[in-house]
Protein backbone atom coordinates (compact mmCIF):
# COMPACT_ATOMS: atom_id res chain seq x y z
CA MET A 1 181.95 14.70 188.94
CA LYS A 2 179.87 17.83 189.29
CA GLY A 3 176.14 18.32 189.69
CA PHE A 4 173.93 21.22 188.55
CA LYS A 5 170.35 21.82 189.55
CA ALA A 6 167.67 22.33 186.84
CA GLY A 7 167.78 25.86 185.61
CA SER A 8 171.53 26.31 186.44
CA ILE A 9 173.79 27.77 183.73
CA LEU A 10 176.73 25.60 182.76
CA GLN A 11 178.10 28.08 180.17
CA PHE A 12 177.23 31.75 179.64
CA GLN A 13 176.65 33.18 176.08
CA ASP A 14 179.53 35.31 174.79
CA GLU A 15 181.98 34.21 177.54
CA PRO A 16 185.21 32.33 176.76
CA VAL A 17 184.75 28.51 176.75
CA ASN A 18 187.31 27.08 178.99
CA ASP A 19 185.62 23.77 180.11
CA ILE A 20 184.44 20.69 178.39
CA PHE A 21 181.66 18.74 179.97
CA PHE A 22 180.71 14.99 179.55
CA VAL A 23 177.13 14.46 180.58
CA THR A 24 176.70 11.38 182.74
CA GLU A 25 173.05 11.96 183.72
CA GLY A 26 170.31 14.40 182.94
CA VAL A 27 169.64 16.87 180.11
CA ALA A 28 171.09 20.35 179.15
CA ILE A 29 169.88 22.68 176.38
CA ALA A 30 171.63 25.30 174.33
CA CYS A 31 169.87 28.59 173.69
CA HIS A 32 170.91 31.78 171.90
CA TYR A 33 169.69 35.16 173.16
CA GLU A 34 169.54 38.19 170.83
CA GLN A 35 169.99 41.72 172.15
CA GLY A 36 166.31 42.32 172.19
CA GLY A 37 165.72 39.17 174.36
CA LYS A 38 164.47 36.79 171.68
CA GLU A 39 165.43 33.26 172.61
CA SER A 40 166.25 30.63 170.04
CA TRP A 41 166.66 26.93 170.95
CA LEU A 42 169.66 25.31 169.36
CA ASP A 43 170.48 21.93 170.78
CA CYS A 44 169.95 19.38 173.51
CA TYR A 45 172.59 17.30 175.31
CA GLY A 46 171.94 14.12 177.16
CA SER A 47 173.75 11.30 178.89
CA GLY A 48 176.91 10.33 176.89
CA GLU A 49 177.33 13.59 175.08
CA PHE A 50 180.04 16.27 175.17
CA ILE A 51 179.57 19.99 175.64
CA GLY A 52 182.20 22.53 174.70
CA LEU A 53 184.29 20.65 172.15
CA GLU A 54 184.41 23.87 170.04
CA SER A 55 187.14 25.07 172.29
CA LEU A 56 189.49 22.16 171.79
CA HIS A 57 191.98 23.77 169.40
CA GLU A 58 191.59 27.55 169.61
CA ALA A 59 190.11 30.22 171.90
CA TYR A 60 186.30 30.27 171.44
CA ARG A 61 183.57 32.46 172.91
CA ALA A 62 180.23 30.68 173.48
CA GLN A 63 177.61 31.50 170.87
CA CYS A 64 174.89 30.20 173.11
CA GLN A 65 174.07 29.64 176.75
CA ILE A 66 174.11 26.08 178.17
CA ILE A 67 171.37 25.54 180.78
CA ALA A 68 170.53 22.47 182.77
CA ARG A 69 167.03 21.39 181.70
CA THR A 70 166.83 18.79 184.53
CA ASP A 71 169.18 18.10 187.40
CA ILE A 72 172.32 17.10 185.74
CA SER A 73 175.66 15.34 186.53
CA VAL A 74 178.75 15.94 184.42
CA LEU A 75 182.45 15.27 184.30
CA ARG A 76 184.10 18.68 183.86
CA PHE A 77 187.50 19.15 182.38
CA LYS A 78 189.63 22.15 181.62
CA THR A 79 190.40 22.20 177.87
CA GLN A 80 194.12 21.67 178.29
CA ARG A 81 193.63 18.67 180.56
CA PHE A 82 191.15 17.25 178.17
CA GLN A 83 193.72 17.58 175.28
CA SER A 84 196.22 15.74 177.50
CA LEU A 85 193.68 12.88 178.11
CA MET A 86 193.11 12.63 174.38
CA ASN A 87 196.79 12.11 173.73
CA GLN A 88 197.01 9.40 176.47
CA HIS A 89 193.83 7.59 175.58
CA PRO A 90 193.18 6.84 171.85
CA ALA A 91 189.79 5.41 172.72
CA LEU A 92 188.71 8.87 173.80
CA ASN A 93 189.35 10.18 170.29
CA GLN A 94 187.06 7.53 168.84
CA LEU A 95 184.35 8.54 171.39
CA ILE A 96 184.69 12.18 170.32
CA LEU A 97 184.55 11.27 166.67
CA LYS A 98 181.35 9.24 167.30
CA HIS A 99 179.80 12.24 169.06
CA LEU A 100 180.74 14.70 166.23
CA ILE A 101 179.33 12.31 163.61
CA HIS A 102 176.13 12.17 165.66
CA GLN A 103 175.95 15.95 165.77
CA ILE A 104 176.35 16.26 162.08
CA LYS A 105 173.61 13.73 161.39
CA LYS A 106 171.36 15.72 163.74
CA PHE A 107 172.16 18.94 161.94
CA GLN A 108 171.48 17.34 158.50
CA GLU A 109 168.18 15.85 159.65
CA SER A 110 167.04 19.16 161.16
CA ARG A 111 167.82 21.10 157.91
CA MET A 112 166.12 18.48 155.78
CA GLU A 113 163.00 18.58 157.99
CA THR A 114 162.91 22.34 157.94
CA HIS A 115 162.88 22.41 154.16
CA MET A 116 160.96 19.37 153.36
CA LEU A 117 158.25 18.88 156.06
CA SER A 118 155.14 20.89 156.76
CA LYS A 119 154.87 22.32 160.27
CA ARG A 120 152.60 19.54 161.24
CA GLY A 121 155.08 17.06 159.88
CA ARG A 122 157.88 18.68 161.93
CA VAL A 123 155.88 18.41 165.17
CA ALA A 124 155.13 14.76 164.37
CA SER A 125 158.84 14.23 163.58
CA GLU A 126 159.80 15.68 166.87
CA PHE A 127 157.46 13.22 168.68
CA ARG A 128 158.97 10.39 166.67
CA ARG A 129 162.50 11.45 167.72
CA LEU A 130 161.45 11.61 171.36
CA ALA A 131 159.49 8.33 171.35
CA GLU A 132 161.03 5.37 173.22
CA PRO A 133 159.75 1.76 173.33
CA SER A 134 157.50 1.09 176.27
CA HIS A 135 158.93 -0.96 179.07
CA SER A 136 155.85 -3.22 178.96
CA ALA A 137 155.31 -6.00 176.42
CA SER A 138 152.99 -3.84 174.43
CA PRO A 139 153.99 -2.30 171.11
CA GLU A 140 153.30 1.18 172.50
CA TYR A 141 156.03 3.92 172.44
CA VAL A 142 156.31 6.59 175.15
CA VAL A 143 157.47 10.26 175.12
CA SER A 144 158.63 11.00 178.63
CA PRO A 145 158.85 13.42 180.17
CA LYS A 146 155.99 15.21 178.45
CA PRO A 147 157.59 17.95 176.23
CA VAL A 148 156.90 21.56 177.16
CA ILE A 149 155.00 23.14 174.21
CA SER A 150 156.89 26.39 174.32
CA GLU A 151 160.24 24.66 174.32
CA MET A 152 159.17 22.46 171.38
CA ALA A 153 158.19 25.59 169.52
CA LEU A 154 161.65 27.06 170.08
CA ARG A 155 163.36 23.83 168.99
CA LEU A 156 161.33 23.64 165.77
CA GLY A 157 161.17 27.36 165.00
CA ILE A 158 157.39 27.27 164.85
CA ALA A 159 154.84 29.48 166.67
CA ARG A 160 153.81 28.17 170.03
CA GLU A 161 150.11 28.38 168.97
CA THR A 162 150.72 26.24 165.88
CA VAL A 163 152.55 23.59 167.95
CA SER A 164 149.84 23.57 170.62
CA ARG A 165 147.07 23.25 167.94
CA THR A 166 149.00 20.43 166.16
CA VAL A 167 149.47 18.47 169.46
CA SER A 168 145.78 18.85 170.20
CA GLU A 169 144.88 17.51 166.66
CA LEU A 170 147.18 14.55 167.16
CA ILE A 171 145.48 13.79 170.45
CA LYS A 172 142.04 14.19 168.94
CA ASN A 173 142.86 11.82 166.18
CA ARG A 174 144.38 9.37 168.72
CA VAL A 175 147.78 9.45 167.07
CA ILE A 176 149.17 10.25 170.53
CA GLU A 177 147.44 9.92 173.93
CA ARG A 178 147.98 11.80 177.21
CA GLY A 179 149.52 9.79 179.98
CA SER A 180 150.61 10.66 183.53
CA GLY A 181 153.47 13.05 182.78
CA GLU A 182 154.04 11.49 179.40
CA PHE A 183 152.52 11.00 175.92
CA ILE A 184 151.76 7.49 174.62
CA VAL A 185 152.13 6.51 170.99
CA PRO A 186 149.88 3.58 170.49
CA ASP A 187 150.97 2.95 166.86
CA LEU A 188 154.28 4.25 165.71
CA GLY A 189 153.29 3.83 162.02
CA ARG A 190 150.36 6.21 162.46
CA LEU A 191 152.70 8.82 163.96
CA GLU A 192 155.18 8.40 161.10
CA ALA A 193 152.40 8.84 158.59
CA GLN A 194 152.00 12.43 159.93
CA MET A 195 155.52 13.23 158.94
CA ARG A 196 154.92 14.90 155.58
C-alpha cells in the first residue's frame, strides 16, 4: 500500500509506464500537456479502478500525466509482477475485464455527449454523473465535493466562462442548490431535463 498527497504525480507524461496502480481510496486525474502548456483533462480514477494497464503487454510511454486530485492510497505493482498475479489468480482477470468494459462505456458516453448534447446539456450531464443519493431519507441527490469549475471545463472541453455561466443559471433556476462544500440536486428529473 502506498499513499500520495493531493497534487503528487503518480506517472509523468512521456515517461515509460512501469507500474500498475489499483486505487483503494481517493481520486487521481489524467491530464495531457501540449508543448505550449495547454492542459487537457482526459480521465478520472477512483476507488476500485486501475491505472497503467496500457503497459501490460508491451513497452508504453505515458500519453498523459497522472496526478492525485485528493490524498490517495493505492496498491502499486511492477508490470511483470502484476502479470504473474494475473496468471495465478483468474479472478483478477475478471476484475480487469470489468474495469476495461467500464472504461469503454465511459468513452462511448463521452463521445455521444460531445456530438449530441448542447454545452448546457453537457454541464447538466456532468452533474448527473457526479450526483449520488443523499444519505438522508429525502429524495435529494448530492454532488460532493463541489466540483471545481476550471476542472469541469477541462473535462468537458468547454470554455470556463460558459461552464460558470451555466452553473449559475442552474442555481438561479433551482435545478441545483449550493450546500456546504457540495451541490444539492432537489429533483433529479429536473436536472435530467436539462440534458439536451
